[in-house]
Amino acid sequence: MISHLLGVLGPTVISFGNVAASETVMNLFAQSGTMVQAVLMLLLIFSVSSWGIIFYKVYQLRQAHSASQSFATLFRSTKDFAMLAGANLNAPSSPLARIFATAYQEFSQWRQTSPQTTPPPETRSSANLENLELTLRRAVREQMTWLERTLTFLATTASTTPFIGLFGTVWGIMNAFQGLSTAQSATIQAVAPGIAEALVTTAVGLLAAIPAVMAYNHFIRQVQVLTAEMDGFSAELLSRVRWSLQDGPQSSPGGYSHAVR
């Protein structure tokens, strides 16, 4: 029985080897049915798009990290917020610079508030700090959204392309066995080319999914690192402003002039 099976499968294995050696993926694509070709085209679109996103995110996150490190160093080396407000124009890719720009707009509103129409300085300072804290939280969330943009496409590619490829394989195998019913000789050699064409979709689906899931996990980790840096910067900025309000004169908005100008 075993020798009989080996005798049957031996030529089949040789046949599969010849198919793999002589036919390229393009040949298999050209010989595939309309549905399998559509699946392969869809997988190709997913793959090309995900690779474009990968290259873009590598550049974006690298620039964001480098620019944020430079801005954080400048922030810790000076107390002149007006100078920092000008410096963040040279760091548009820095999340920290964007957070500071949002906070500086809040500072500008403080300066524009008339002392005659506001509560006592102590109450005003407390309200300003609460508003600033809310502003910083909102700014951090906005930057997180900016950094995570397009990552959902990578997650979608990683989770769906294997199943799309599997669908193409099942469809191709169904067509192969349907062709077997009309063939003169019902042997595995008759369906081997059709099965080989169908299995290409699974391989292409995995080729699209594996880089996408690896890149997604790497980028999520990078975003988490930048988020921790943004949270630390926001706490440091809020602490510096709080110290400035407590240290400066309390009778006029000029009490925090050295921290906001």
C-alpha atoms as a PDB file:
ATOM      1  CA  MET A   1       0.000   0.000   0.000  1.00  0.00           C
ATOM      2  CA  ILE A   2       2.754   2.402   0.994  1.00  0.00           C
ATOM      3  CA  SER A   3       4.831   1.531  -2.047  1.00  0.00           C
ATOM      4  CA  HIS A   4       1.769   2.089  -4.218  1.00  0.00           C
ATOM      5  CA  LEU A   5       1.222   5.560  -2.690  1.00  0.00           C
ATOM      6  CA  LEU A   6       4.874   6.435  -3.179  1.00  0.00           C
ATOM      7  CA  GLY A   7       4.617   5.331  -6.763  1.00  0.00           C
ATOM      8  CA  VAL A   8       1.624   7.630  -7.254  1.00  0.00           C
ATOM      9  CA  LEU A   9       3.011  10.610  -5.324  1.00  0.00           C
ATOM     10  CA  GLY A  10       6.529  10.421  -6.711  1.00  0.00           C
ATOM     11  CA  PRO A  11       5.696  11.842 -10.136  1.00  0.00           C
ATOM     12  CA  THR A  12       3.424  14.358  -8.430  1.00  0.00           C
ATOM     13  CA  VAL A  13       6.268  15.723  -6.299  1.00  0.00           C
ATOM     14  CA  ILE A  14       8.466  15.943  -9.370  1.00  0.00           C
ATOM     15  CA  SER A  15       5.636  17.695 -11.179  1.00  0.00           C
ATOM     16  CA  PHE A  16       5.236  20.257  -8.398  1.00  0.00           C
ATOM     17  CA  GLY A  17       8.977  20.859  -8.475  1.00  0.00           C
ATOM     18  CA  ASN A  18       8.896  21.438 -12.198  1.00  0.00           C
ATOM     19  CA  VAL A  19       5.978  23.837 -11.805  1.00  0.00           C
ATOM     20  CA  ALA A  20       7.813  25.819  -9.126  1.00  0.00           C
ATOM     21  CA  ALA A  21      10.965  25.915 -11.207  1.00  0.00           C
ATOM     22  CA  SER A  22       9.441  26.820 -14.535  1.00  0.00           C
ATOM     23  CA  GLU A  23       6.555  29.094 -13.647  1.00  0.00           C
ATOM     24  CA  THR A  24       6.959  32.456 -12.018  1.00  0.00           C
ATOM     25  CA  VAL A  25       4.404  34.283  -9.946  1.00  0.00           C
ATOM     26  CA  MET A  26       3.522  36.394 -12.969  1.00  0.00           C
ATOM     27  CA  ASN A  27       2.804  33.281 -14.998  1.00  0.00           C
ATOM     28  CA  LEU A  28       0.601  31.942 -12.233  1.00  0.00           C
ATOM     29  CA  PHE A  29      -1.181  35.295 -12.087  1.00  0.00           C
ATOM     30  CA  ALA A  30      -1.788  35.270 -15.822  1.00  0.00           C
ATOM     31  CA  GLN A  31      -3.143  31.725 -15.705  1.00  0.00           C
ATOM     32  CA  SER A  32      -5.425  32.363 -12.724  1.00  0.00           C
ATOM     33  CA  GLY A  33      -9.132  32.951 -12.914  1.00  0.00           C
ATOM     34  CA  THR A  34     -10.775  36.366 -12.732  1.00  0.00           C
ATOM     35  CA  MET A  35     -11.609  36.101  -9.025  1.00  0.00           C
ATOM     36  CA  VAL A  36      -8.094  34.989  -8.057  1.00  0.00           C
ATOM     37  CA  GLN A  37      -6.595  37.815 -10.118  1.00  0.00           C
ATOM     38  CA  ALA A  38      -8.885  40.312  -8.387  1.00  0.00           C
ATOM     39  CA  VAL A  39      -7.786  38.977  -4.990  1.00  0.00           C
ATOM     40  CA  LEU A  40      -4.124  39.267  -5.973  1.00  0.00           C
ATOM     41  CA  MET A  41      -4.621  42.843  -7.180  1.00  0.00           C
ATOM     42  CA  LEU A  42      -6.352  43.749  -3.919  1.00  0.00           C
ATOM     43  CA  LEU A  43      -3.528  42.215  -1.904  1.00  0.00           C
ATOM     44  CA  LEU A  44      -0.992  44.088  -4.023  1.00  0.00           C
ATOM     45  CA  ILE A  45      -2.768  47.375  -3.279  1.00  0.00           C
ATOM     46  CA  PHE A  46      -2.709  46.588   0.444  1.00  0.00           C
ATOM     47  CA  SER A  47       0.975  45.681   0.300  1.00  0.00           C
ATOM     48  CA  VAL A  48       2.118  48.733  -1.669  1.00  0.00           C
ATOM     49  CA  SER A  49       0.043  51.077   0.505  1.00  0.00           C
ATOM     50  CA  SER A  50       1.343  49.563   3.735  1.00  0.00           C
ATOM     51  CA  TRP A  51       4.952  49.860   2.585  1.00  0.00           C
ATOM     52  CA  GLY A  52       4.364  53.504   1.680  1.00  0.00           C
ATOM     53  CA  ILE A  53       2.954  54.102   5.161  1.00  0.00           C
ATOM     54  CA  ILE A  54       5.887  52.260   6.741  1.00  0.00           C
ATOM     55  CA  PHE A  55       8.452  54.478   5.018  1.00  0.00           C
ATOM     56  CA  TYR A  56       6.452  57.598   5.881  1.00  0.00           C
ATOM     57  CA  LYS A  57       6.082  56.659   9.567  1.00  0.00           C
ATOM     58  CA  VAL A  58       9.774  55.831   9.883  1.00  0.00           C
ATOM     59  CA  TYR A  59      10.618  59.327   8.644  1.00  0.00           C
ATOM     60  CA  GLN A  60       7.876  61.052  10.652  1.00  0.00           C
ATOM     61  CA  LEU A  61       8.649  59.402  13.998  1.00  0.00           C
ATOM     62  CA  ARG A  62      12.387  59.828  13.562  1.00  0.00           C
ATOM     63  CA  GLN A  63      11.932  63.525  12.842  1.00  0.00           C
ATOM     64  CA  ALA A  64       9.504  63.910  15.745  1.00  0.00           C
ATOM     65  CA  HIS A  65      11.881  62.275  18.211  1.00  0.00           C
ATOM     66  CA  SER A  66      14.921  64.245  17.046  1.00  0.00           C
ATOM     67  CA  ALA A  67      13.112  67.608  16.983  1.00  0.00           C
ATOM     68  CA  SER A  68      11.527  66.962  20.382  1.00  0.00           C
ATOM     69  CA  GLN A  69      14.885  66.169  21.947  1.00  0.00           C
ATOM     70  CA  SER A  70      16.304  69.425  20.598  1.00  0.00           C
ATOM     71  CA  PHE A  71      13.339  71.479  21.785  1.00  0.00           C
ATOM     72  CA  ALA A  72      13.367  69.856  25.231  1.00  0.00           C
ATOM     73  CA  THR A  73      17.054  70.756  25.606  1.00  0.00           C
ATOM     74  CA  LEU A  74      16.316  74.355  24.612  1.00  0.00           C
ATOM     75  CA  PHE A  75      13.322  74.504  26.970  1.00  0.00           C
ATOM     76  CA  ARG A  76      15.420  73.426  29.957  1.00  0.00           C
ATOM     77  CA  SER A  77      18.181  75.886  29.125  1.00  0.00           C
ATOM     78  CA  THR A  78      16.093  79.079  29.092  1.00  0.00           C
ATOM     79  CA  LYS A  79      13.264  80.786  30.954  1.00  0.00           C
ATOM     80  CA  ASP A  80      12.361  83.086  28.086  1.00  0.00           C
ATOM     81  CA  PHE A  81       9.084  81.711  26.795  1.00  0.00           C
ATOM     82  CA  ALA A  82       8.882  84.321  24.033  1.00  0.00           C
ATOM     83  CA  MET A  83      12.153  83.039  22.628  1.00  0.00           C
ATOM     84  CA  LEU A  84      10.847  79.470  22.832  1.00  0.00           C
ATOM     85  CA  ALA A  85       7.683  80.524  21.020  1.00  0.00           C
ATOM     86  CA  GLY A  86       9.870  81.715  18.151  1.00  0.00           C
ATOM     87  CA  ALA A  87      12.064  78.634  18.281  1.00  0.00           C
ATOM     88  CA  ASN A  88       9.144  76.240  17.828  1.00  0.00           C
ATOM     89  CA  LEU A  89       8.615  77.682  14.346  1.00  0.00           C
ATOM     90  CA  ASN A  90      11.847  75.938  13.399  1.00  0.00           C
ATOM     91  CA  ALA A  91      10.610  72.609  14.811  1.00  0.00           C
ATOM     92  CA  PRO A  92       7.237  71.984  13.147  1.00  0.00           C
ATOM     93  CA  SER A  93       7.700  68.218  13.413  1.00  0.00           C
ATOM     94  CA  SER A  94       8.232  68.300  17.193  1.00  0.00           C
ATOM     95  CA  PRO A  95       5.209  67.309  19.299  1.00  0.00           C
ATOM     96  CA  LEU A  96       6.749  69.133  22.269  1.00  0.00           C
ATOM     97  CA  ALA A  97       7.023  72.353  20.283  1.00  0.00           C
ATOM     98  CA  ARG A  98       3.387  72.052  19.233  1.00  0.00           C
ATOM     99  CA  ILE A  99       2.306  71.494  22.825  1.00  0.00           C
ATOM    100  CA  PHE A 100       4.294  74.535  23.914  1.00  0.00           C
ATOM    101  CA  ALA A 101       2.745  76.641  21.131  1.00  0.00           C
ATOM    102  CA  THR A 102      -0.730  75.708  22.382  1.00  0.00           C
ATOM    103  CA  ALA A 103       0.265  76.576  25.969  1.00  0.00           C
ATOM    104  CA  TYR A 104       1.782  79.877  24.846  1.00  0.00           C
ATOM    105  CA  GLN A 105      -1.525  80.861  23.269  1.00  0.00           C
ATOM    106  CA  GLU A 106      -3.083  80.295  26.681  1.00  0.00           C
ATOM    107  CA  PHE A 107      -0.394  82.529  28.226  1.00  0.00           C
ATOM    108  CA  SER A 108      -1.219  85.250  25.710  1.00  0.00           C
ATOM    109  CA  GLN A 109      -4.848  85.200  26.806  1.00  0.00           C
ATOM    110  CA  TRP A 110      -3.694  85.675  30.400  1.00  0.00           C
ATOM    111  CA  ARG A 111      -1.812  88.833  29.437  1.00  0.00           C
ATOM    112  CA  GLN A 112      -4.815  90.196  27.574  1.00  0.00           C
ATOM    113  CA  THR A 113      -7.090  89.808  30.612  1.00  0.00           C
ATOM    114  CA  SER A 114      -7.791  93.121  32.339  1.00  0.00           C
ATOM    115  CA  PRO A 115      -7.132  93.118  36.114  1.00  0.00           C
ATOM    116  CA  GLN A 116     -10.162  95.400  36.675  1.00  0.00           C
ATOM    117  CA  THR A 117     -12.551  92.786  35.291  1.00  0.00           C
ATOM    118  CA  THR A 118     -11.109  89.662  36.867  1.00  0.00           C
ATOM    119  CA  PRO A 119     -11.242  88.059  40.340  1.00  0.00           C
ATOM    120  CA  PRO A 120      -8.461  88.551  42.906  1.00  0.00           C
ATOM    121  CA  PRO A 121      -4.971  87.438  41.772  1.00  0.00           C
ATOM    122  CA  GLU A 122      -4.972  84.282  43.925  1.00  0.00           C
ATOM    123  CA  THR A 123      -8.276  83.072  42.450  1.00  0.00           C
ATOM    124  CA  ARG A 124      -7.219  84.109  38.959  1.00  0.00           C
ATOM    125  CA  SER A 125      -3.921  82.217  39.204  1.00  0.00           C
ATOM    126  CA  SER A 126      -5.657  79.049  40.357  1.00  0.00           C
ATOM    127  CA  ALA A 127      -8.178  79.235  37.515  1.00  0.00           C
ATOM    128  CA  ASN A 128      -5.407  79.915  35.007  1.00  0.00           C
ATOM    129  CA  LEU A 129      -3.465  76.873  36.155  1.00  0.00           C
ATOM    130  CA  GLU A 130      -6.533  74.663  35.829  1.00  0.00           C
ATOM    131  CA  ASN A 131      -7.174  75.979  32.324  1.00  0.00           C
ATOM    132  CA  LEU A 132      -3.538  75.448  31.427  1.00  0.00           C
ATOM    133  CA  GLU A 133      -3.609  71.861  32.667  1.00  0.00           C
ATOM    134  CA  LEU A 134      -6.711  71.125  30.576  1.00  0.00           C
ATOM    135  CA  THR A 135      -5.087  72.803  27.581  1.00  0.00           C
ATOM    136  CA  LEU A 136      -1.960  70.681  27.934  1.00  0.00           C
ATOM    137  CA  ARG A 137      -3.988  67.470  28.203  1.00  0.00           C
ATOM    138  CA  ARG A 138      -5.915  68.351  25.072  1.00  0.00           C
ATOM    139  CA  ALA A 139      -2.689  69.215  23.238  1.00  0.00           C
ATOM    140  CA  VAL A 140      -1.130  65.863  24.190  1.00  0.00           C
ATOM    141  CA  ARG A 141      -4.192  63.992  22.912  1.00  0.00           C
ATOM    142  CA  GLU A 142      -4.061  65.918  19.647  1.00  0.00           C
ATOM    143  CA  GLN A 143      -0.404  65.042  19.152  1.00  0.00           C
ATOM    144  CA  MET A 144      -1.084  61.382  19.926  1.00  0.00           C
ATOM    145  CA  THR A 145      -3.802  61.395  17.275  1.00  0.00           C
ATOM    146  CA  TRP A 146      -1.373  62.991  14.821  1.00  0.00           C
ATOM    147  CA  LEU A 147       1.349  60.423  15.542  1.00  0.00           C
ATOM    148  CA  GLU A 148      -1.034  57.448  15.336  1.00  0.00           C
ATOM    149  CA  ARG A 149      -2.564  58.576  12.055  1.00  0.00           C
ATOM    150  CA  THR A 150      -2.420  55.904   9.294  1.00  0.00           C
ATOM    151  CA  LEU A 151      -1.435  53.195  11.805  1.00  0.00           C
ATOM    152  CA  THR A 152      -4.966  51.814  11.660  1.00  0.00           C
ATOM    153  CA  PHE A 153      -4.368  50.931   8.008  1.00  0.00           C
ATOM    154  CA  LEU A 154      -1.364  48.826   9.001  1.00  0.00           C
ATOM    155  CA  ALA A 155      -3.474  47.064  11.621  1.00  0.00           C
ATOM    156  CA  THR A 156      -6.202  46.455   9.047  1.00  0.00           C
ATOM    157  CA  THR A 157      -3.671  45.093   6.556  1.00  0.00           C
ATOM    158  CA  ALA A 158      -2.155  42.778   9.155  1.00  0.00           C
ATOM    159  CA  SER A 159      -5.509  41.370  10.234  1.00  0.00           C
ATOM    160  CA  THR A 160      -7.376  41.065   6.943  1.00  0.00           C
ATOM    161  CA  THR A 161      -4.901  40.219   4.161  1.00  0.00           C
ATOM    162  CA  PRO A 162      -4.284  36.616   5.345  1.00  0.00           C
ATOM    163  CA  PHE A 163      -8.030  35.965   5.194  1.00  0.00           C
ATOM    164  CA  ILE A 164      -8.342  37.666   1.814  1.00  0.00           C
ATOM    165  CA  GLY A 165      -5.550  35.432   0.554  1.00  0.00           C
ATOM    166  CA  LEU A 166      -7.231  32.405   2.075  1.00  0.00           C
ATOM    167  CA  PHE A 167     -10.464  33.314   0.313  1.00  0.00           C
ATOM    168  CA  GLY A 168      -8.592  33.426  -2.993  1.00  0.00           C
ATOM    169  CA  THR A 169      -7.040  30.039  -2.265  1.00  0.00           C
ATOM    170  CA  VAL A 170     -10.381  28.430  -1.442  1.00  0.00           C
ATOM    171  CA  TRP A 171     -11.940  29.901  -4.549  1.00  0.00           C
ATOM    172  CA  GLY A 172      -9.078  28.674  -6.723  1.00  0.00           C
ATOM    173  CA  ILE A 173      -9.193  25.175  -5.253  1.00  0.00           C
ATOM    174  CA  MET A 174     -12.952  25.034  -5.851  1.00  0.00           C
ATOM    175  CA  ASN A 175     -12.409  25.917  -9.494  1.00  0.00           C
ATOM    176  CA  ALA A 176      -9.604  23.353  -9.747  1.00  0.00           C
ATOM    177  CA  PHE A 177     -11.810  20.548  -8.486  1.00  0.00           C
ATOM    178  CA  GLN A 178     -14.685  21.656 -10.671  1.00  0.00           C
ATOM    179  CA  GLY A 179     -12.336  21.345 -13.620  1.00  0.00           C
ATOM    180  CA  LEU A 180     -11.372  17.900 -12.386  1.00  0.00           C
ATOM    181  CA  SER A 181     -14.974  16.715 -12.789  1.00  0.00           C
ATOM    182  CA  THR A 182     -14.821  17.416 -16.515  1.00  0.00           C
ATOM    183  CA  ALA A 183     -11.294  16.095 -17.042  1.00  0.00           C
ATOM    184  CA  GLN A 184     -10.757  12.805 -18.799  1.00  0.00           C
ATOM    185  CA  SER A 185      -8.369  11.497 -16.128  1.00  0.00           C
ATOM    186  CA  ALA A 186      -9.146  12.239 -12.473  1.00  0.00           C
ATOM    187  CA  THR A 187      -5.582  12.455 -11.187  1.00  0.00           C
ATOM    188  CA  ILE A 188      -3.817  14.891  -8.922  1.00  0.00           C
ATOM    189  CA  GLN A 189      -1.689  16.004 -11.869  1.00  0.00           C
ATOM    190  CA  ALA A 190      -4.848  17.400 -13.424  1.00  0.00           C
ATOM    191  CA  VAL A 191      -5.537  19.735 -10.498  1.00  0.00           C
ATOM    192  CA  ALA A 192      -1.945  20.514  -9.454  1.00  0.00           C
ATOM    193  CA  PRO A 193      -1.598  23.671 -11.620  1.00  0.00           C
ATOM    194  CA  GLY A 194      -4.920  25.050 -10.355  1.00  0.00           C
ATOM    195  CA  ILE A 195      -3.996  24.380  -6.739  1.00  0.00           C
ATOM    196  CA  ALA A 196      -0.590  26.012  -7.225  1.00  0.00           C
ATOM    197  CA  GLU A 197      -2.262  29.099  -8.670  1.00  0.00           C
ATOM    198  CA  ALA A 198      -4.693  29.216  -5.750  1.00  0.00           C
ATOM    199  CA  LEU A 199      -1.995  28.886  -3.096  1.00  0.00           C
ATOM    200  CA  VAL A 200      -0.235  31.979  -4.453  1.00  0.00           C
ATOM    201  CA  THR A 201      -2.959  34.168  -2.942  1.00  0.00           C
ATOM    202  CA  THR A 202      -2.267  32.806   0.545  1.00  0.00           C
ATOM    203  CA  ALA A 203       1.459  33.443   0.116  1.00  0.00           C
ATOM    204  CA  VAL A 204       0.866  36.991  -1.110  1.00  0.00           C
ATOM    205  CA  GLY A 205      -1.555  37.620   1.760  1.00  0.00           C
ATOM    206  CA  LEU A 206       1.083  36.567   4.284  1.00  0.00           C
ATOM    207  CA  LEU A 207       3.724  38.684   2.548  1.00  0.00           C
ATOM    208  CA  ALA A 208       1.439  41.691   2.944  1.00  0.00           C
ATOM    209  CA  ALA A 209       0.465  40.934   6.553  1.00  0.00           C
ATOM    210  CA  ILE A 210       3.816  40.069   8.151  1.00  0.00           C
ATOM    211  CA  PRO A 211       5.610  43.407   7.474  1.00  0.00           C
ATOM    212  CA  ALA A 212       2.446  45.312   8.406  1.00  0.00           C
ATOM    213  CA  VAL A 213       2.054  43.694  11.825  1.00  0.00           C
ATOM    214  CA  MET A 214       5.765  44.023  12.622  1.00  0.00           C
ATOM    215  CA  ALA A 215       5.781  47.683  11.610  1.00  0.00           C
ATOM    216  CA  TYR A 216       2.565  48.382  13.523  1.00  0.00           C
ATOM    217  CA  ASN A 217       3.968  46.972  16.767  1.00  0.00           C
ATOM    218  CA  HIS A 218       7.210  48.919  16.315  1.00  0.00           C
ATOM    219  CA  PHE A 219       5.441  52.213  15.597  1.00  0.00           C
ATOM    220  CA  ILE A 220       3.027  51.801  18.500  1.00  0.00           C
ATOM    221  CA  ARG A 221       6.035  51.403  20.789  1.00  0.00           C
ATOM    222  CA  GLN A 222       7.609  54.561  19.350  1.00  0.00           C
ATOM    223  CA  VAL A 223       4.363  56.483  19.845  1.00  0.00           C
ATOM    224  CA  GLN A 224       4.220  55.307  23.447  1.00  0.00           C
ATOM    225  CA  VAL A 225       7.748  56.604  24.034  1.00  0.00           C
ATOM    226  CA  LEU A 226       6.855  59.979  22.525  1.00  0.00           C
ATOM    227  CA  THR A 227       3.658  60.098  24.567  1.00  0.00           C
ATOM    228  CA  ALA A 228       5.662  59.582  27.752  1.00  0.00           C
ATOM    229  CA  GLU A 229       7.960  62.421  26.680  1.00  0.00           C
ATOM    230  CA  MET A 230       4.953  64.667  26.021  1.00  0.00           C
ATOM    231  CA  ASP A 231       3.433  63.868  29.422  1.00  0.00           C
ATOM    232  CA  GLY A 232       6.735  64.622  31.139  1.00  0.00           C
ATOM    233  CA  PHE A 233       7.163  67.879  29.210  1.00  0.00           C
ATOM    234  CA  SER A 234       3.611  68.973  30.056  1.00  0.00           C
ATOM    235  CA  ALA A 235       4.180  68.303  33.759  1.00  0.00           C
ATOM    236  CA  GLU A 236       7.480  70.183  33.657  1.00  0.00           C
ATOM    237  CA  LEU A 237       5.925  73.156  31.875  1.00  0.00           C
ATOM    238  CA  LEU A 238       2.994  73.274  34.300  1.00  0.00           C
ATOM    239  CA  SER A 239       5.373  73.082  37.270  1.00  0.00           C
ATOM    240  CA  ARG A 240       7.470  75.938  35.928  1.00  0.00           C
ATOM    241  CA  VAL A 241       4.417  78.134  35.410  1.00  0.00           C
ATOM    242  CA  ARG A 242       3.087  77.296  38.872  1.00  0.00           C
ATOM    243  CA  TRP A 243       6.446  78.197  40.428  1.00  0.00           C
ATOM    244  CA  SER A 244       6.506  81.457  38.435  1.00  0.00           C
ATOM    245  CA  LEU A 245       3.055  82.476  39.667  1.00  0.00           C
ATOM    246  CA  GLN A 246       3.993  81.778  43.270  1.00  0.00           C
ATOM    247  CA  ASP A 247       7.357  83.504  43.016  1.00  0.00           C
ATOM    248  CA  GLY A 248       6.394  86.656  41.121  1.00  0.00           C
ATOM    249  CA  PRO A 249       4.252  89.633  42.154  1.00  0.00           C
ATOM    250  CA  GLN A 250       0.611  88.745  42.683  1.00  0.00           C
ATOM    251  CA  SER A 251      -1.047  92.085  41.934  1.00  0.00           C
ATOM    252  CA  SER A 252      -0.900  92.168  38.139  1.00  0.00           C
ATOM    253  CA  PRO A 253      -0.435  89.925  35.124  1.00  0.00           C
ATOM    254  CA  GLY A 254       3.155  91.126  35.034  1.00  0.00           C
ATOM    255  CA  GLY A 255       3.774  88.826  38.021  1.00  0.00           C
ATOM    256  CA  TYR A 256       4.483  85.983  35.634  1.00  0.00           C
ATOM    257  CA  SER A 257       6.134  88.070  32.953  1.00  0.00           C
ATOM    258  CA  HIS A 258       9.495  86.308  33.164  1.00  0.00           C
ATOM    259  CA  ALA A 259       7.802  82.967  32.553  1.00  0.00           C
ATOM    260  CA  VAL A 260       5.517  83.926  29.717  1.00  0.00           C
ATOM    261  CA  ARG A 261       7.385  86.590  27.806  1.00  0.00           C
END
